C-alpha atoms as a PDB file:
ATOM      1  CA  MET A   1       9.951  -5.078  10.910  1.00  0.00           C
ATOM      2  CA  LEU A   2       8.417  -3.089  13.555  1.00  0.00           C
ATOM      3  CA  LEU A   3       4.142  -2.080  14.343  1.00  0.00           C
ATOM      4  CA  ALA A   4       3.468   0.509  16.048  1.00  0.00           C
ATOM      5  CA  PHE A   5       0.092  -0.099  18.331  1.00  0.00           C
ATOM      6  CA  ALA A   6      -2.229   2.287  19.913  1.00  0.00           C
ATOM      7  CA  ASP A   7      -5.297   0.963  22.108  1.00  0.00           C
ATOM      8  CA  ARG A   8      -4.457  -2.560  20.542  1.00  0.00           C
ATOM      9  CA  GLU A   9      -4.465  -1.514  17.065  1.00  0.00           C
ATOM     10  CA  VAL A  10      -1.911  -1.619  14.678  1.00  0.00           C
ATOM     11  CA  VAL A  11      -0.905   1.843  13.745  1.00  0.00           C
ATOM     12  CA  GLY A  12       2.126   2.322  12.075  1.00  0.00           C
ATOM     13  CA  VAL A  13       4.267  -0.224   9.955  1.00  0.00           C
ATOM     14  CA  PHE A  14       8.394   0.150   9.430  1.00  0.00           C
ATOM     15  CA  LEU A  15       9.859  -2.199   7.413  1.00  0.00           C
ATOM     16  CA  ALA A  16      13.925  -2.166   6.123  1.00  0.00           C
ATOM     17  CA  ASN A  17      16.428  -4.307   5.268  1.00  0.00           C
ATOM     18  CA  GLU A  18      20.304  -4.287   6.403  1.00  0.00           C
ATOM     19  CA  ILE A  19      22.394  -3.704   3.471  1.00  0.00           C
ATOM     20  CA  VAL A  20      26.334  -3.481   3.150  1.00  0.00           C
ATOM     21  CA  SER A  21      27.644  -0.246   1.646  1.00  0.00           C
ATOM     22  CA  VAL A  22      31.107  -0.425   0.229  1.00  0.00           C
ATOM     23  CA  GLU A  23      30.492   3.321  -0.235  1.00  0.00           C
ATOM     24  CA  GLN A  24      30.065   4.269   3.901  1.00  0.00           C
ATOM     25  CA  ALA A  25      31.991   1.467   4.503  1.00  0.00           C
ATOM     26  CA  GLY A  26      29.481   0.081   7.044  1.00  0.00           C
ATOM     27  CA  LEU A  27      25.958  -1.254   7.322  1.00  0.00           C
ATOM     28  CA  VAL A  28      23.340   0.925   6.063  1.00  0.00           C
ATOM     29  CA  LEU A  29      19.448   0.208   6.976  1.00  0.00           C
ATOM     30  CA  TRP A  30      17.263   0.262   3.451  1.00  0.00           C
ATOM     31  CA  VAL A  31      13.761   1.566   4.678  1.00  0.00           C
ATOM     32  CA  GLU A  32      11.564   0.016   2.515  1.00  0.00           C
ATOM     33  CA  GLU A  33       8.205   0.897   4.134  1.00  0.00           C
ATOM     34  CA  LEU A  34       7.102   3.231   6.684  1.00  0.00           C
ATOM     35  CA  TYR A  35       3.280   3.817   6.960  1.00  0.00           C
ATOM     36  CA  VAL A  36       1.165   5.663   9.087  1.00  0.00           C
ATOM     37  CA  VAL A  37      -2.726   4.741   8.973  1.00  0.00           C
ATOM     38  CA  PRO A  38      -4.606   8.145   8.648  1.00  0.00           C
ATOM     39  CA  ALA A  39      -6.385   8.018  11.581  1.00  0.00           C
ATOM     40  CA  ALA A  40      -3.232   8.156  13.400  1.00  0.00           C
ATOM     41  CA  ARG A  41      -1.490  10.665  11.218  1.00  0.00           C
ATOM     42  CA  ARG A  42       0.281  13.702  13.078  1.00  0.00           C
ATOM     43  CA  ARG A  43       0.480  12.051  16.474  1.00  0.00           C
ATOM     44  CA  GLY A  44       4.086  11.718  16.287  1.00  0.00           C
ATOM     45  CA  VAL A  45       3.692   7.498  15.651  1.00  0.00           C
ATOM     46  CA  ALA A  46       6.473   8.076  12.622  1.00  0.00           C
ATOM     47  CA  ARG A  47       8.621  10.121  14.998  1.00  0.00           C
ATOM     48  CA  GLY A  48       8.869   7.621  17.540  1.00  0.00           C
ATOM     49  CA  ILE A  49       9.471   4.475  15.260  1.00  0.00           C
ATOM     50  CA  LEU A  50      11.970   6.218  13.553  1.00  0.00           C
ATOM     51  CA  ASN A  51      13.480   7.474  16.877  1.00  0.00           C
ATOM     52  CA  PHE A  52      13.443   3.990  18.217  1.00  0.00           C
ATOM     53  CA  VAL A  53      14.983   2.537  15.101  1.00  0.00           C
ATOM     54  CA  ALA A  54      17.518   4.863  15.242  1.00  0.00           C
ATOM     55  CA  GLU A  55      18.941   3.918  18.550  1.00  0.00           C
ATOM     56  CA  GLU A  56      18.746   0.428  17.758  1.00  0.00           C
ATOM     57  CA  ALA A  57      20.655   0.942  14.339  1.00  0.00           C
ATOM     58  CA  ARG A  58      23.397   3.047  16.350  1.00  0.00           C
ATOM     59  CA  ARG A  59      23.682   0.115  18.797  1.00  0.00           C
ATOM     60  CA  LYS A  60      24.273  -2.715  15.855  1.00  0.00           C
ATOM     61  CA  GLY A  61      27.035   0.064  14.463  1.00  0.00           C
ATOM     62  CA  ILE A  62      24.687   0.926  11.617  1.00  0.00           C
ATOM     63  CA  VAL A  63      26.202   4.319   9.971  1.00  0.00           C
ATOM     64  CA  SER A  64      22.711   5.650   8.318  1.00  0.00           C
ATOM     65  CA  ILE A  65      19.094   5.217   7.521  1.00  0.00           C
ATOM     66  CA  GLU A  66      18.855   5.594   4.050  1.00  0.00           C
ATOM     67  CA  LEU A  67      15.220   5.471   2.136  1.00  0.00           C
ATOM     68  CA  GLU A  68      13.321   7.039  -0.967  1.00  0.00           C
ATOM     69  CA  VAL A  69      10.332   9.129  -1.249  1.00  0.00           C
ATOM     70  CA  VAL A  70       7.484   9.895  -4.057  1.00  0.00           C
ATOM     71  CA  PRO A  71       8.202  13.136  -4.841  1.00  0.00           C
ATOM     72  CA  THR A  72       4.721  14.431  -4.731  1.00  0.00           C
ATOM     73  CA  GLN A  73       4.527  12.988  -1.102  1.00  0.00           C
ATOM     74  CA  GLU A  74       5.448  16.596   0.396  1.00  0.00           C
ATOM     75  CA  ALA A  75       4.722  15.913   4.240  1.00  0.00           C
ATOM     76  CA  ALA A  76       7.055  12.700   4.080  1.00  0.00           C
ATOM     77  CA  PHE A  77       9.882  14.404   2.855  1.00  0.00           C
ATOM     78  CA  ALA A  78       9.202  17.416   5.741  1.00  0.00           C
ATOM     79  CA  LEU A  79       8.724  14.462   8.609  1.00  0.00           C
ATOM     80  CA  TYR A  80      12.409  13.148   7.068  1.00  0.00           C
ATOM     81  CA  ARG A  81      13.849  16.534   7.106  1.00  0.00           C
ATOM     82  CA  ALA A  82      13.004  17.493  10.404  1.00  0.00           C
ATOM     83  CA  MET A  83      14.330  14.312  12.097  1.00  0.00           C
ATOM     84  CA  GLY A  84      17.375  15.238   9.884  1.00  0.00           C
ATOM     85  CA  PHE A  85      17.552  13.148   7.020  1.00  0.00           C
ATOM     86  CA  VAL A  86      19.438  15.032   3.777  1.00  0.00           C
ATOM     87  CA  ASP A  87      18.935  15.104  -0.066  1.00  0.00           C
ATOM     88  CA  VAL A  88      20.860  12.656  -1.510  1.00  0.00           C
ATOM     89  CA  GLU A  89      19.305  12.422  -5.200  1.00  0.00           C
ATOM     90  CA  ARG A  90      16.110  13.484  -6.259  1.00  0.00           C
ATOM     91  CA  LYS A  91      13.898  11.363  -4.240  1.00  0.00           C
ATOM     92  CA  ARG A  92      16.651   9.277  -2.116  1.00  0.00           C
ATOM     93  CA  MET A  93      17.580  10.193   1.552  1.00  0.00           C
ATOM     94  CA  LYS A  94      20.055   9.788   4.072  1.00  0.00           C
ATOM     95  CA  TRP A  95      20.292  10.620   8.024  1.00  0.00           C
ATOM     96  CA  LYS A  96      23.848   9.527   8.848  1.00  0.00           C
ATOM     97  CA  ILE A  97      23.096   8.197  12.452  1.00  0.00           C
END
């Protein structure tokens, strides 16, 4: 779990689990939740969280970060694609790190 703060207020929450992937022959970070409060959106909070998490994941030997996106969440899809995630299935995305 990771919290992002601005002016002593929580503005973002990240929750993930490390899982073993036989398919990828290594550890995968499965994202359960990435949430930024509406007032803090479009200010780089989610990008900052993902960049920090990716660096930590690389350091630990994790091979990819994976998540599911609700199909109607176009802003989320745009963010993840801009960060380097690719579509794996209809709503599942993967970021090879």
